[in-house]
Each structure stands twice: as C-alpha cells, then as structure tokens.
Amino acid sequence: MAQPLSPWRWLALPLSLALLAGCGVAHADEEDHERARKALQAGEVLPLKTILERVERAHPGQVMDVELEREHRGSGARWIYEIKVLRPSGALVKLKVDARDGTVLGSKPSRPHPTAGER
C-alpha cells in the first residue's frame, strides 16, 4: 500500500512548477504565500499541518491539492482550505475546511479534468 505524502512534500512539485513558469506566476505565488503567512501569524488560520492531521482522521486518503482562499459572505469573510483527497477507493473528494478551527464544512466528489478526447 502506498504511503501518503508528508504534508510538505506535496508542496515541492507545485512550487517548482511555479518557479519554472515565470516571474508572473512566481510573483503571484509570493503574494499568496505572504497572505497565508500573515493570516497564520494573526491567528486567523491554523497551520496546514494541523488541518491535514484533522482531515486525515475523518477522510483518509492521499492529499492531492490544497488551496487557501478568502471566502466573502454577506458582511463577513473567512479563510477556507479547499483540499482534494484521493480516497483509498480511488474516488477524488473535494473538502471545504474552515481554516480557523479545522471544521469540515462540506465535501463533494471532485470531477477530474477532462482529457483531450472529452472536450
């Protein structure tokens, strides 16, 4: 059985690709990283490692993708981790997780990207 990737190892490929893609993407990545760092320092979000440990208990599988987004609703806003998990059954699930406390707000099957023949 394949071992799940460590929480930091999965970041290596996306970050490497961003650096190879050019300055524009690297600059956007720096801004995203800075926003996430500031939110963590301000106590607005939990560390990603903590979030992934909590998600793993309730939704075992391999983490394929993580995004941290600011969700605006009505007069307020909150940080949301969107996490794609490949379940042991092979199903890909997208989770919405409150970044402040790790509560899973919802889950749904994630549609794979269409192949060239399906477009």
PDB file of N, CA and C in Angstrom:
ATOM      1  N   MET A   1       0.847  -1.189   0.000  1.00  0.00           N
ATOM      2  CA  MET A   1       0.000   0.000   0.000  1.00  0.00           C
ATOM      3  C   MET A   1       0.884   1.240   0.000  1.00  0.00           C
ATOM      4  N   ALA A   2       0.578   2.204  -0.838  1.00  0.00           N
ATOM      5  CA  ALA A   2       1.391   3.417  -0.948  1.00  0.00           C
ATOM      6  C   ALA A   2       1.253   4.264   0.305  1.00  0.00           C
ATOM      7  N   GLN A   3       2.355   4.830   0.730  1.00  0.00           N
ATOM      8  CA  GLN A   3       2.356   5.711   1.895  1.00  0.00           C
ATOM      9  C   GLN A   3       1.882   7.101   1.470  1.00  0.00           C
ATOM     10  N   PRO A   4       1.047   7.775   2.267  1.00  0.00           N
ATOM     11  CA  PRO A   4       0.648   9.140   1.934  1.00  0.00           C
ATOM     12  C   PRO A   4       1.859  10.065   1.998  1.00  0.00           C
ATOM     13  N   LEU A   5       1.824  11.086   1.178  1.00  0.00           N
ATOM     14  CA  LEU A   5       2.909  12.066   1.171  1.00  0.00           C
ATOM     15  C   LEU A   5       2.873  12.888   2.436  1.00  0.00           C
ATOM     16  N   SER A   6       4.055  13.279   2.900  1.00  0.00           N
ATOM     17  CA  SER A   6       4.092  14.164   4.058  1.00  0.00           C
ATOM     18  C   SER A   6       3.453  15.486   3.652  1.00  0.00           C
ATOM     19  N   PRO A   7       2.919  16.244   4.618  1.00  0.00           N
ATOM     20  CA  PRO A   7       2.233  17.487   4.283  1.00  0.00           C
ATOM     21  C   PRO A   7       3.096  18.474   3.499  1.00  0.00           C
ATOM     22  N   TRP A   8       4.394  18.435   3.670  1.00  0.00           N
ATOM     23  CA  TRP A   8       5.255  19.412   2.994  1.00  0.00           C
ATOM     24  C   TRP A   8       5.762  18.898   1.671  1.00  0.00           C
ATOM     25  N   ARG A   9       5.878  17.579   1.521  1.00  0.00           N
ATOM     26  CA  ARG A   9       6.441  17.019   0.302  1.00  0.00           C
ATOM     27  C   ARG A   9       5.574  17.320  -0.912  1.00  0.00           C
ATOM     28  N   TRP A  10       4.262  17.316  -0.728  1.00  0.00           N
ATOM     29  CA  TRP A  10       3.373  17.580  -1.872  1.00  0.00           C
ATOM     30  C   TRP A  10       3.495  19.004  -2.374  1.00  0.00           C
ATOM     31  N   LEU A  11       4.046  19.884  -1.563  1.00  0.00           N
ATOM     32  CA  LEU A  11       4.241  21.274  -1.984  1.00  0.00           C
ATOM     33  C   LEU A  11       5.410  21.434  -2.949  1.00  0.00           C
ATOM     34  N   ALA A  12       6.356  20.517  -2.936  1.00  0.00           N
ATOM     35  CA  ALA A  12       7.570  20.654  -3.727  1.00  0.00           C
ATOM     36  C   ALA A  12       7.271  20.788  -5.218  1.00  0.00           C
ATOM     37  N   LEU A  13       6.442  19.923  -5.770  1.00  0.00           N
ATOM     38  CA  LEU A  13       6.164  19.970  -7.195  1.00  0.00           C
ATOM     39  C   LEU A  13       5.436  21.250  -7.609  1.00  0.00           C
ATOM     40  N   PRO A  14       4.313  21.633  -6.949  1.00  0.00           N
ATOM     41  CA  PRO A  14       3.649  22.873  -7.368  1.00  0.00           C
ATOM     42  C   PRO A  14       4.549  24.097  -7.246  1.00  0.00           C
ATOM     43  N   LEU A  15       5.343  24.171  -6.201  1.00  0.00           N
ATOM     44  CA  LEU A  15       6.228  25.325  -6.052  1.00  0.00           C
ATOM     45  C   LEU A  15       7.305  25.327  -7.121  1.00  0.00           C
ATOM     46  N   SER A  16       7.838  24.152  -7.445  1.00  0.00           N
ATOM     47  CA  SER A  16       8.842  24.059  -8.502  1.00  0.00           C
ATOM     48  C   SER A  16       8.256  24.482  -9.840  1.00  0.00           C
ATOM     49  N   LEU A  17       7.051  24.018 -10.128  1.00  0.00           N
ATOM     50  CA  LEU A  17       6.403  24.398 -11.381  1.00  0.00           C
ATOM     51  C   LEU A  17       6.138  25.896 -11.449  1.00  0.00           C
ATOM     52  N   ALA A  18       5.757  26.482 -10.344  1.00  0.00           N
ATOM     53  CA  ALA A  18       5.512  27.926 -10.324  1.00  0.00           C
ATOM     54  C   ALA A  18       6.787  28.695 -10.631  1.00  0.00           C
ATOM     55  N   LEU A  19       7.901  28.238 -10.084  1.00  0.00           N
ATOM     56  CA  LEU A  19       9.174  28.904 -10.355  1.00  0.00           C
ATOM     57  C   LEU A  19       9.574  28.772 -11.814  1.00  0.00           C
ATOM     58  N   LEU A  20       9.297  27.607 -12.399  1.00  0.00           N
ATOM     59  CA  LEU A  20       9.640  27.386 -13.797  1.00  0.00           C
ATOM     60  C   LEU A  20       8.716  28.146 -14.747  1.00  0.00           C
ATOM     61  N   ALA A  21       7.513  28.451 -14.313  1.00  0.00           N
ATOM     62  CA  ALA A  21       6.527  29.077 -15.188  1.00  0.00           C
ATOM     63  C   ALA A  21       6.830  30.539 -15.482  1.00  0.00           C
ATOM     64  N   GLY A  22       7.618  31.183 -14.667  1.00  0.00           N
ATOM     65  CA  GLY A  22       7.971  32.566 -14.950  1.00  0.00           C
ATOM     66  C   GLY A  22       7.722  33.477 -13.772  1.00  0.00           C
ATOM     67  N   CYS A  23       8.167  34.707 -13.931  1.00  0.00           N
ATOM     68  CA  CYS A  23       8.095  35.689 -12.852  1.00  0.00           C
ATOM     69  C   CYS A  23       6.667  36.023 -12.461  1.00  0.00           C
ATOM     70  N   GLY A  24       5.744  36.101 -13.421  1.00  0.00           N
ATOM     71  CA  GLY A  24       4.368  36.467 -13.101  1.00  0.00           C
ATOM     72  C   GLY A  24       3.735  35.484 -12.143  1.00  0.00           C
ATOM     73  N   VAL A  25       3.885  34.217 -12.414  1.00  0.00           N
ATOM     74  CA  VAL A  25       3.322  33.198 -11.545  1.00  0.00           C
ATOM     75  C   VAL A  25       4.067  33.180 -10.218  1.00  0.00           C
ATOM     76  N   ALA A  26       5.395  33.304 -10.275  1.00  0.00           N
ATOM     77  CA  ALA A  26       6.183  33.306  -9.042  1.00  0.00           C
ATOM     78  C   ALA A  26       5.783  34.490  -8.168  1.00  0.00           C
ATOM     79  N   HIS A  27       5.534  35.645  -8.780  1.00  0.00           N
ATOM     80  CA  HIS A  27       5.128  36.826  -8.017  1.00  0.00           C
ATOM     81  C   HIS A  27       3.773  36.586  -7.357  1.00  0.00           C
ATOM     82  N   ALA A  28       2.833  36.007  -8.109  1.00  0.00           N
ATOM     83  CA  ALA A  28       1.510  35.703  -7.541  1.00  0.00           C
ATOM     84  C   ALA A  28       1.653  34.698  -6.412  1.00  0.00           C
ATOM     85  N   ASP A  29       2.523  33.713  -6.579  1.00  0.00           N
ATOM     86  CA  ASP A  29       2.762  32.722  -5.528  1.00  0.00           C
ATOM     87  C   ASP A  29       3.309  33.392  -4.276  1.00  0.00           C
ATOM     88  N   GLU A  30       4.218  34.355  -4.452  1.00  0.00           N
ATOM     89  CA  GLU A  30       4.785  35.079  -3.309  1.00  0.00           C
ATOM     90  C   GLU A  30       3.696  35.841  -2.571  1.00  0.00           C
ATOM     91  N   GLU A  31       2.789  36.471  -3.313  1.00  0.00           N
ATOM     92  CA  GLU A  31       1.699  37.211  -2.687  1.00  0.00           C
ATOM     93  C   GLU A  31       0.786  36.263  -1.908  1.00  0.00           C
ATOM     94  N   ASP A  32       0.461  35.108  -2.501  1.00  0.00           N
ATOM     95  CA  ASP A  32      -0.380  34.125  -1.815  1.00  0.00           C
ATOM     96  C   ASP A  32       0.302  33.623  -0.554  1.00  0.00           C
ATOM     97  N   HIS A  33       1.596  33.344  -0.667  1.00  0.00           N
ATOM     98  CA  HIS A  33       2.356  32.860   0.486  1.00  0.00           C
ATOM     99  C   HIS A  33       2.373  33.919   1.587  1.00  0.00           C
ATOM    100  N   GLU A  34       2.555  35.162   1.201  1.00  0.00           N
ATOM    101  CA  GLU A  34       2.601  36.253   2.181  1.00  0.00           C
ATOM    102  C   GLU A  34       1.245  36.425   2.870  1.00  0.00           C
ATOM    103  N   ARG A  35       0.153  36.344   2.112  1.00  0.00           N
ATOM    104  CA  ARG A  35      -1.194  36.434   2.698  1.00  0.00           C
ATOM    105  C   ARG A  35      -1.416  35.310   3.687  1.00  0.00           C
ATOM    106  N   ALA A  36      -1.020  34.093   3.311  1.00  0.00           N
ATOM    107  CA  ALA A  36      -1.196  32.943   4.199  1.00  0.00           C
ATOM    108  C   ALA A  36      -0.347  33.095   5.455  1.00  0.00           C
ATOM    109  N   ARG A  37       0.874  33.573   5.307  1.00  0.00           N
ATOM    110  CA  ARG A  37       1.766  33.763   6.453  1.00  0.00           C
ATOM    111  C   ARG A  37       1.189  34.781   7.424  1.00  0.00           C
ATOM    112  N   LYS A  38       0.688  35.886   6.887  1.00  0.00           N
ATOM    113  CA  LYS A  38       0.094  36.919   7.743  1.00  0.00           C
ATOM    114  C   LYS A  38      -1.153  36.404   8.460  1.00  0.00           C
ATOM    115  N   ALA A  39      -1.976  35.631   7.766  1.00  0.00           N
ATOM    116  CA  ALA A  39      -3.184  35.070   8.383  1.00  0.00           C
ATOM    117  C   ALA A  39      -2.807  34.106   9.506  1.00  0.00           C
ATOM    118  N   LEU A  40      -1.756  33.329   9.304  1.00  0.00           N
ATOM    119  CA  LEU A  40      -1.291  32.405  10.338  1.00  0.00           C
ATOM    120  C   LEU A  40      -0.771  33.173  11.547  1.00  0.00           C
ATOM    121  N   GLN A  41       0.036  34.198  11.309  1.00  0.00           N
ATOM    122  CA  GLN A  41       0.590  35.000  12.405  1.00  0.00           C
ATOM    123  C   GLN A  41      -0.500  35.729  13.186  1.00  0.00           C
ATOM    124  N   ALA A  42      -1.559  36.125  12.495  1.00  0.00           N
ATOM    125  CA  ALA A  42      -2.657  36.838  13.147  1.00  0.00           C
ATOM    126  C   ALA A  42      -3.615  35.879  13.867  1.00  0.00           C
ATOM    127  N   GLY A  43      -3.374  34.583  13.753  1.00  0.00           N
ATOM    128  CA  GLY A  43      -4.251  33.608  14.396  1.00  0.00           C
ATOM    129  C   GLY A  43      -5.557  33.391  13.651  1.00  0.00           C
ATOM    130  N   GLU A  44      -5.609  33.811  12.386  1.00  0.00           N
ATOM    131  CA  GLU A  44      -6.830  33.661  11.591  1.00  0.00           C
ATOM    132  C   GLU A  44      -6.956  32.270  10.990  1.00  0.00           C
ATOM    133  N   VAL A  45      -5.827  31.560  10.870  1.00  0.00           N
ATOM    134  CA  VAL A  45      -5.837  30.211  10.311  1.00  0.00           C
ATOM    135  C   VAL A  45      -4.948  29.308  11.154  1.00  0.00           C
ATOM    136  N   LEU A  46      -5.280  28.022  11.142  1.00  0.00           N
ATOM    137  CA  LEU A  46      -4.423  27.024  11.773  1.00  0.00           C
ATOM    138  C   LEU A  46      -3.317  26.643  10.793  1.00  0.00           C
ATOM    139  N   PRO A  47      -2.199  26.150  11.302  1.00  0.00           N
ATOM    140  CA  PRO A  47      -1.148  25.675  10.394  1.00  0.00           C
ATOM    141  C   PRO A  47      -1.677  24.548   9.508  1.00  0.00           C
ATOM    142  N   LEU A  48      -1.198  24.496   8.281  1.00  0.00           N
ATOM    143  CA  LEU A  48      -1.651  23.473   7.344  1.00  0.00           C
ATOM    144  C   LEU A  48      -1.426  22.069   7.910  1.00  0.00           C
ATOM    145  N   LYS A  49      -0.321  21.850   8.589  1.00  0.00           N
ATOM    146  CA  LYS A  49      -0.040  20.531   9.172  1.00  0.00           C
ATOM    147  C   LYS A  49      -1.167  20.109  10.121  1.00  0.00           C
ATOM    148  N   THR A  50      -1.637  21.028  10.939  1.00  0.00           N
ATOM    149  CA  THR A  50      -2.723  20.747  11.878  1.00  0.00           C
ATOM    150  C   THR A  50      -4.012  20.408  11.127  1.00  0.00           C
ATOM    151  N   ILE A  51      -4.311  21.180  10.111  1.00  0.00           N
ATOM    152  CA  ILE A  51      -5.517  20.947   9.306  1.00  0.00           C
ATOM    153  C   ILE A  51      -5.453  19.561   8.662  1.00  0.00           C
ATOM    154  N   LEU A  52      -4.306  19.230   8.064  1.00  0.00           N
ATOM    155  CA  LEU A  52      -4.182  17.945   7.373  1.00  0.00           C
ATOM    156  C   LEU A  52      -4.280  16.769   8.338  1.00  0.00           C
ATOM    157  N   GLU A  53      -3.749  16.920   9.536  1.00  0.00           N
ATOM    158  CA  GLU A  53      -3.872  15.851  10.537  1.00  0.00           C
ATOM    159  C   GLU A  53      -5.336  15.616  10.893  1.00  0.00           C
ATOM    160  N   ARG A  54      -6.101  16.671  11.048  1.00  0.00           N
ATOM    161  CA  ARG A  54      -7.524  16.545  11.389  1.00  0.00           C
ATOM    162  C   ARG A  54      -8.318  15.945  10.233  1.00  0.00           C
ATOM    163  N   VAL A  55      -8.024  16.391   9.024  1.00  0.00           N
ATOM    164  CA  VAL A  55      -8.731  15.885   7.846  1.00  0.00           C
ATOM    165  C   VAL A  55      -8.439  14.403   7.661  1.00  0.00           C
ATOM    166  N   GLU A  56      -7.188  14.006   7.853  1.00  0.00           N
ATOM    167  CA  GLU A  56      -6.797  12.610   7.657  1.00  0.00           C
ATOM    168  C   GLU A  56      -7.593  11.660   8.552  1.00  0.00           C
ATOM    169  N   ARG A  57      -7.898  12.090   9.773  1.00  0.00           N
ATOM    170  CA  ARG A  57      -8.652  11.224  10.695  1.00  0.00           C
ATOM    171  C   ARG A  57     -10.054  10.937  10.165  1.00  0.00           C
ATOM    172  N   ALA A  58     -10.711  11.922   9.627  1.00  0.00           N
ATOM    173  CA  ALA A  58     -12.089  11.756   9.168  1.00  0.00           C
ATOM    174  C   ALA A  58     -12.189  11.367   7.690  1.00  0.00           C
ATOM    175  N   HIS A  59     -11.174  11.720   6.900  1.00  0.00           N
ATOM    176  CA  HIS A  59     -11.207  11.488   5.454  1.00  0.00           C
ATOM    177  C   HIS A  59      -9.865  10.916   5.005  1.00  0.00           C
ATOM    178  N   PRO A  60      -9.617   9.634   5.318  1.00  0.00           N
ATOM    179  CA  PRO A  60      -8.319   9.052   4.964  1.00  0.00           C
ATOM    180  C   PRO A  60      -8.113   9.026   3.454  1.00  0.00           C
ATOM    181  N   GLY A  61      -6.862   9.160   3.069  1.00  0.00           N
ATOM    182  CA  GLY A  61      -6.504   9.132   1.658  1.00  0.00           C
ATOM    183  C   GLY A  61      -5.275   9.982   1.432  1.00  0.00           C
ATOM    184  N   GLN A  62      -4.955  10.214   0.174  1.00  0.00           N
ATOM    185  CA  GLN A  62      -3.783  10.997  -0.190  1.00  0.00           C
ATOM    186  C   GLN A  62      -4.209  12.398  -0.614  1.00  0.00           C
ATOM    187  N   VAL A  63      -3.625  13.397   0.021  1.00  0.00           N
ATOM    188  CA  VAL A  63      -3.926  14.787  -0.329  1.00  0.00           C
ATOM    189  C   VAL A  63      -3.301  15.082  -1.686  1.00  0.00           C
ATOM    190  N   MET A  64      -4.139  15.547  -2.617  1.00  0.00           N
ATOM    191  CA  MET A  64      -3.683  15.819  -3.974  1.00  0.00           C
ATOM    192  C   MET A  64      -3.491  17.310  -4.242  1.00  0.00           C
ATOM    193  N   ASP A  65      -4.262  18.152  -3.542  1.00  0.00           N
ATOM    194  CA  ASP A  65      -4.202  19.588  -3.803  1.00  0.00           C
ATOM    195  C   ASP A  65      -4.763  20.324  -2.596  1.00  0.00           C
ATOM    196  N   VAL A  66      -4.187  21.490  -2.304  1.00  0.00           N
ATOM    197  CA  VAL A  66      -4.678  22.343  -1.217  1.00  0.00           C
ATOM    198  C   VAL A  66      -4.660  23.782  -1.698  1.00  0.00           C
ATOM    199  N   GLU A  67      -5.736  24.488  -1.442  1.00  0.00           N
ATOM    200  CA  GLU A  67      -5.812  25.922  -1.729  1.00  0.00           C
ATOM    201  C   GLU A  67      -6.335  26.614  -0.485  1.00  0.00           C
ATOM    202  N   LEU A  68      -5.778  27.778  -0.192  1.00  0.00           N
ATOM    203  CA  LEU A  68      -6.274  28.618   0.899  1.00  0.00           C
ATOM    204  C   LEU A  68      -6.911  29.832   0.261  1.00  0.00           C
ATOM    205  N   GLU A  69      -8.192  30.016   0.528  1.00  0.00           N
ATOM    206  CA  GLU A  69      -8.923  31.116  -0.099  1.00  0.00           C
ATOM    207  C   GLU A  69      -9.679  31.916   0.944  1.00  0.00           C
ATOM    208  N   ARG A  70      -9.889  33.158   0.630  1.00  0.00           N
ATOM    209  CA  ARG A  70     -10.692  34.048   1.475  1.00  0.00           C
ATOM    210  C   ARG A  70     -12.093  34.045   0.903  1.00  0.00           C
ATOM    211  N   GLU A  71     -13.053  33.545   1.673  1.00  0.00           N
ATOM    212  CA  GLU A  71     -14.444  33.459   1.234  1.00  0.00           C
ATOM    213  C   GLU A  71     -15.222  34.616   1.836  1.00  0.00           C
ATOM    214  N   HIS A  72     -15.873  35.392   0.988  1.00  0.00           N
ATOM    215  CA  HIS A  72     -16.658  36.547   1.441  1.00  0.00           C
ATOM    216  C   HIS A  72     -18.133  36.175   1.409  1.00  0.00           C
ATOM    217  N   ARG A  73     -18.787  36.325   2.551  1.00  0.00           N
ATOM    218  CA  ARG A  73     -20.220  36.028   2.661  1.00  0.00           C
ATOM    219  C   ARG A  73     -20.881  37.147   3.435  1.00  0.00           C
ATOM    220  N   GLY A  74     -21.862  37.769   2.816  1.00  0.00           N
ATOM    221  CA  GLY A  74     -22.574  38.848   3.494  1.00  0.00           C
ATOM    222  C   GLY A  74     -21.617  39.930   3.954  1.00  0.00           C
ATOM    223  N   SER A  75     -21.653  40.249   5.234  1.00  0.00           N
ATOM    224  CA  SER A  75     -20.792  41.310   5.756  1.00  0.00           C
ATOM    225  C   SER A  75     -19.466  40.769   6.286  1.00  0.00           C
ATOM    226  N   GLY A  76     -19.291  39.443   6.303  1.00  0.00           N
ATOM    227  CA  GLY A  76     -18.069  38.868   6.860  1.00  0.00           C
ATOM    228  C   GLY A  76     -17.270  38.102   5.833  1.00  0.00           C
ATOM    229  N   ALA A  77     -16.108  37.651   6.271  1.00  0.00           N
ATOM    230  CA  ALA A  77     -15.239  36.841   5.428  1.00  0.00           C
ATOM    231  C   ALA A  77     -14.525  35.831   6.309  1.00  0.00           C
ATOM    232  N   ARG A  78     -14.167  34.713   5.721  1.00  0.00           N
ATOM    233  CA  ARG A  78     -13.409  33.714   6.476  1.00  0.00           C
ATOM    234  C   ARG A  78     -12.449  33.005   5.525  1.00  0.00           C
ATOM    235  N   TRP A  79     -11.410  32.429   6.116  1.00  0.00           N
ATOM    236  CA  TRP A  79     -10.431  31.662   5.379  1.00  0.00           C
ATOM    237  C   TRP A  79     -10.927  30.223   5.254  1.00  0.00           C
ATOM    238  N   ILE A  80     -10.798  29.677   4.048  1.00  0.00           N
ATOM    239  CA  ILE A  80     -11.231  28.318   3.756  1.00  0.00           C
ATOM    240  C   ILE A  80     -10.081  27.570   3.085  1.00  0.00           C
ATOM    241  N   TYR A  81      -9.794  26.365   3.596  1.00  0.00           N
ATOM    242  CA  TYR A  81      -8.901  25.459   2.883  1.00  0.00           C
ATOM    243  C   TYR A  81      -9.780  24.597   1.990  1.00  0.00           C
ATOM    244  N   GLU A  82      -9.449  24.531   0.706  1.00  0.00           N
ATOM    245  CA  GLU A  82     -10.088  23.588  -0.210  1.00  0.00           C
ATOM    246  C   GLU A  82      -9.076  22.486  -0.441  1.00  0.00           C
ATOM    247  N   ILE A  83      -9.423  21.280  -0.027  1.00  0.00           N
ATOM    248  CA  ILE A  83      -8.489  20.160  -0.041  1.00  0.00           C
ATOM    249  C   ILE A  83      -9.067  19.037  -0.885  1.00  0.00           C
ATOM    250  N   LYS A  84      -8.300  18.576  -1.878  1.00  0.00           N
ATOM    251  CA  LYS A  84      -8.703  17.434  -2.679  1.00  0.00           C
ATOM    252  C   LYS A  84      -7.982  16.207  -2.135  1.00  0.00           C
ATOM    253  N   VAL A  85      -8.772  15.166  -1.831  1.00  0.00           N
ATOM    254  CA  VAL A  85      -8.240  13.936  -1.255  1.00  0.00           C
ATOM    255  C   VAL A  85      -8.596  12.774  -2.175  1.00  0.00           C
ATOM    256  N   LEU A  86      -7.589  11.968  -2.511  1.00  0.00           N
ATOM    257  CA  LEU A  86      -7.814  10.746  -3.262  1.00  0.00           C
ATOM    258  C   LEU A  86      -8.046   9.638  -2.247  1.00  0.00           C
ATOM    259  N   ARG A  87      -9.283   9.155  -2.194  1.00  0.00           N
ATOM    260  CA  ARG A  87      -9.670   8.143  -1.210  1.00  0.00           C
ATOM    261  C   ARG A  87      -9.076   6.786  -1.599  1.00  0.00           C
ATOM    262  N   PRO A  88      -8.943   5.871  -0.628  1.00  0.00           N
ATOM    263  CA  PRO A  88      -8.434   4.534  -0.944  1.00  0.00           C
ATOM    264  C   PRO A  88      -9.256   3.820  -2.028  1.00  0.00           C
ATOM    265  N   SER A  89     -10.524   4.177  -2.151  1.00  0.00           N
ATOM    266  CA  SER A  89     -11.397   3.575  -3.171  1.00  0.00           C
ATOM    267  C   SER A  89     -11.100   4.104  -4.572  1.00  0.00           C
ATOM    268  N   GLY A  90     -10.293   5.171  -4.657  1.00  0.00           N
ATOM    269  CA  GLY A  90      -9.992   5.783  -5.947  1.00  0.00           C
ATOM    270  C   GLY A  90     -10.830   7.019  -6.229  1.00  0.00           C
ATOM    271  N   ALA A  91     -11.806   7.303  -5.380  1.00  0.00           N
ATOM    272  CA  ALA A  91     -12.654   8.486  -5.559  1.00  0.00           C
ATOM    273  C   ALA A  91     -11.889   9.741  -5.151  1.00  0.00           C
ATOM    274  N   LEU A  92     -12.054  10.801  -5.908  1.00  0.00           N
ATOM    275  CA  LEU A  92     -11.452  12.088  -5.588  1.00  0.00           C
ATOM    276  C   LEU A  92     -12.517  12.953  -4.933  1.00  0.00           C
ATOM    277  N   VAL A  93     -12.235  13.440  -3.720  1.00  0.00           N
ATOM    278  CA  VAL A  93     -13.204  14.210  -2.948  1.00  0.00           C
ATOM    279  C   VAL A  93     -12.632  15.593  -2.666  1.00  0.00           C
ATOM    280  N   LYS A  94     -13.473  16.616  -2.823  1.00  0.00           N
ATOM    281  CA  LYS A  94     -13.081  17.985  -2.513  1.00  0.00           C
ATOM    282  C   LYS A  94     -13.720  18.380  -1.191  1.00  0.00           C
ATOM    283  N   LEU A  95     -12.885  18.783  -0.228  1.00  0.00           N
ATOM    284  CA  LEU A  95     -13.363  19.186   1.091  1.00  0.00           C
ATOM    285  C   LEU A  95     -13.222  20.687   1.253  1.00  0.00           C
ATOM    286  N   LYS A  96     -14.213  21.303   1.881  1.00  0.00           N
ATOM    287  CA  LYS A  96     -14.111  22.711   2.297  1.00  0.00           C
ATOM    288  C   LYS A  96     -13.919  22.696   3.799  1.00  0.00           C
ATOM    289  N   VAL A  97     -12.816  23.289   4.261  1.00  0.00           N
ATOM    290  CA  VAL A  97     -12.464  23.236   5.672  1.00  0.00           C
ATOM    291  C   VAL A  97     -12.274  24.656   6.200  1.00  0.00           C
ATOM    292  N   ASP A  98     -12.922  24.955   7.321  1.00  0.00           N
ATOM    293  CA  ASP A  98     -12.741  26.249   7.971  1.00  0.00           C
ATOM    294  C   ASP A  98     -11.296  26.320   8.464  1.00  0.00           C
ATOM    295  N   ALA A  99     -10.528  27.255   7.937  1.00  0.00           N
ATOM    296  CA  ALA A  99      -9.105  27.347   8.263  1.00  0.00           C
ATOM    297  C   ALA A  99      -8.856  27.812   9.693  1.00  0.00           C
ATOM    298  N   ARG A 100      -9.842  28.405  10.329  1.00  0.00           N
ATOM    299  CA  ARG A 100      -9.683  28.911  11.695  1.00  0.00           C
ATOM    300  C   ARG A 100      -9.710  27.789  12.725  1.00  0.00           C
ATOM    301  N   ASP A 101     -10.599  26.783  12.488  1.00  0.00           N
ATOM    302  CA  ASP A 101     -10.738  25.739  13.509  1.00  0.00           C
ATOM    303  C   ASP A 101     -10.671  24.309  12.976  1.00  0.00           C
ATOM    304  N   GLY A 102     -10.535  24.134  11.661  1.00  0.00           N
ATOM    305  CA  GLY A 102     -10.401  22.799  11.087  1.00  0.00           C
ATOM    306  C   GLY A 102     -11.703  22.059  10.862  1.00  0.00           C
ATOM    307  N   THR A 103     -12.837  22.711  11.048  1.00  0.00           N
ATOM    308  CA  THR A 103     -14.133  22.070  10.829  1.00  0.00           C
ATOM    309  C   THR A 103     -14.353  21.835   9.340  1.00  0.00           C
ATOM    310  N   VAL A 104     -14.704  20.596   8.987  1.00  0.00           N
ATOM    311  CA  VAL A 104     -15.046  20.307   7.594  1.00  0.00           C
ATOM    312  C   VAL A 104     -16.443  20.847   7.352  1.00  0.00           C
ATOM    313  N   LEU A 105     -16.538  21.814   6.462  1.00  0.00           N
ATOM    314  CA  LEU A 105     -17.804  22.493   6.184  1.00  0.00           C
ATOM    315  C   LEU A 105     -18.625  21.767   5.131  1.00  0.00           C
ATOM    316  N   GLY A 106     -17.958  20.994   4.311  1.00  0.00           N
ATOM    317  CA  GLY A 106     -18.666  20.263   3.274  1.00  0.00           C
ATOM    318  C   GLY A 106     -17.703  19.433   2.454  1.00  0.00           C
ATOM    319  N   SER A 107     -18.276  18.464   1.757  1.00  0.00           N
ATOM    320  CA  SER A 107     -17.475  17.639   0.856  1.00  0.00           C
ATOM    321  C   SER A 107     -18.325  17.277  -0.337  1.00  0.00           C
ATOM    322  N   LYS A 108     -17.666  17.083  -1.451  1.00  0.00           N
ATOM    323  CA  LYS A 108     -18.367  16.653  -2.651  1.00  0.00           C
ATOM    324  C   LYS A 108     -17.375  15.940  -3.557  1.00  0.00           C
ATOM    325  N   PRO A 109     -17.891  15.058  -4.402  1.00  0.00           N
ATOM    326  CA  PRO A 109     -16.995  14.409  -5.358  1.00  0.00           C
ATOM    327  C   PRO A 109     -16.374  15.468  -6.260  1.00  0.00           C
ATOM    328  N   SER A 110     -15.108  15.317  -6.524  1.00  0.00           N
ATOM    329  CA  SER A 110     -14.422  16.258  -7.399  1.00  0.00           C
ATOM    330  C   SER A 110     -14.334  15.652  -8.783  1.00  0.00           C
ATOM    331  N   ARG A 111     -14.736  16.416  -9.770  1.00  0.00           N
ATOM    332  CA  ARG A 111     -14.681  15.917 -11.143  1.00  0.00           C
ATOM    333  C   ARG A 111     -13.252  16.026 -11.651  1.00  0.00           C
ATOM    334  N   PRO A 112     -12.742  14.959 -12.264  1.00  0.00           N
ATOM    335  CA  PRO A 112     -11.399  15.040 -12.845  1.00  0.00           C
ATOM    336  C   PRO A 112     -11.425  15.980 -14.051  1.00  0.00           C
ATOM    337  N   HIS A 113     -10.268  16.516 -14.376  1.00  0.00           N
ATOM    338  CA  HIS A 113     -10.159  17.372 -15.557  1.00  0.00           C
ATOM    339  C   HIS A 113     -10.413  16.534 -16.796  1.00  0.00           C
ATOM    340  N   PRO A 114     -11.154  17.054 -17.772  1.00  0.00           N
ATOM    341  CA  PRO A 114     -11.438  16.285 -18.983  1.00  0.00           C
ATOM    342  C   PRO A 114     -10.168  16.047 -19.790  1.00  0.00           C
ATOM    343  N   THR A 115     -10.100  14.889 -20.421  1.00  0.00           N
ATOM    344  CA  THR A 115      -8.965  14.607 -21.302  1.00  0.00           C
ATOM    345  C   THR A 115      -9.239  15.273 -22.641  1.00  0.00           C
ATOM    346  N   ALA A 116      -8.251  15.292 -23.507  1.00  0.00           N
ATOM    347  CA  ALA A 116      -8.375  15.969 -24.801  1.00  0.00           C
ATOM    348  C   ALA A 116      -9.541  15.400 -25.600  1.00  0.00           C
ATOM    349  N   GLY A 117      -9.791  14.103 -25.510  1.00  0.00           N
ATOM    350  CA  GLY A 117     -10.884  13.488 -26.262  1.00  0.00           C
ATOM    351  C   GLY A 117     -12.264  13.811 -25.731  1.00  0.00           C
ATOM    352  N   GLU A 118     -12.360  14.286 -24.469  1.00  0.00           N
ATOM    353  CA  GLU A 118     -13.656  14.566 -23.860  1.00  0.00           C
ATOM    354  C   GLU A 118     -14.083  16.017 -24.028  1.00  0.00           C
ATOM    355  N   ARG A 119     -13.214  16.861 -24.482  1.00  0.00           N
ATOM    356  CA  ARG A 119     -13.531  18.302 -24.599  1.00  0.00           C
ATOM    357  C   ARG A 119     -14.408  18.596 -25.771  1.00  0.00           C
TER     358      ARG A 119
END
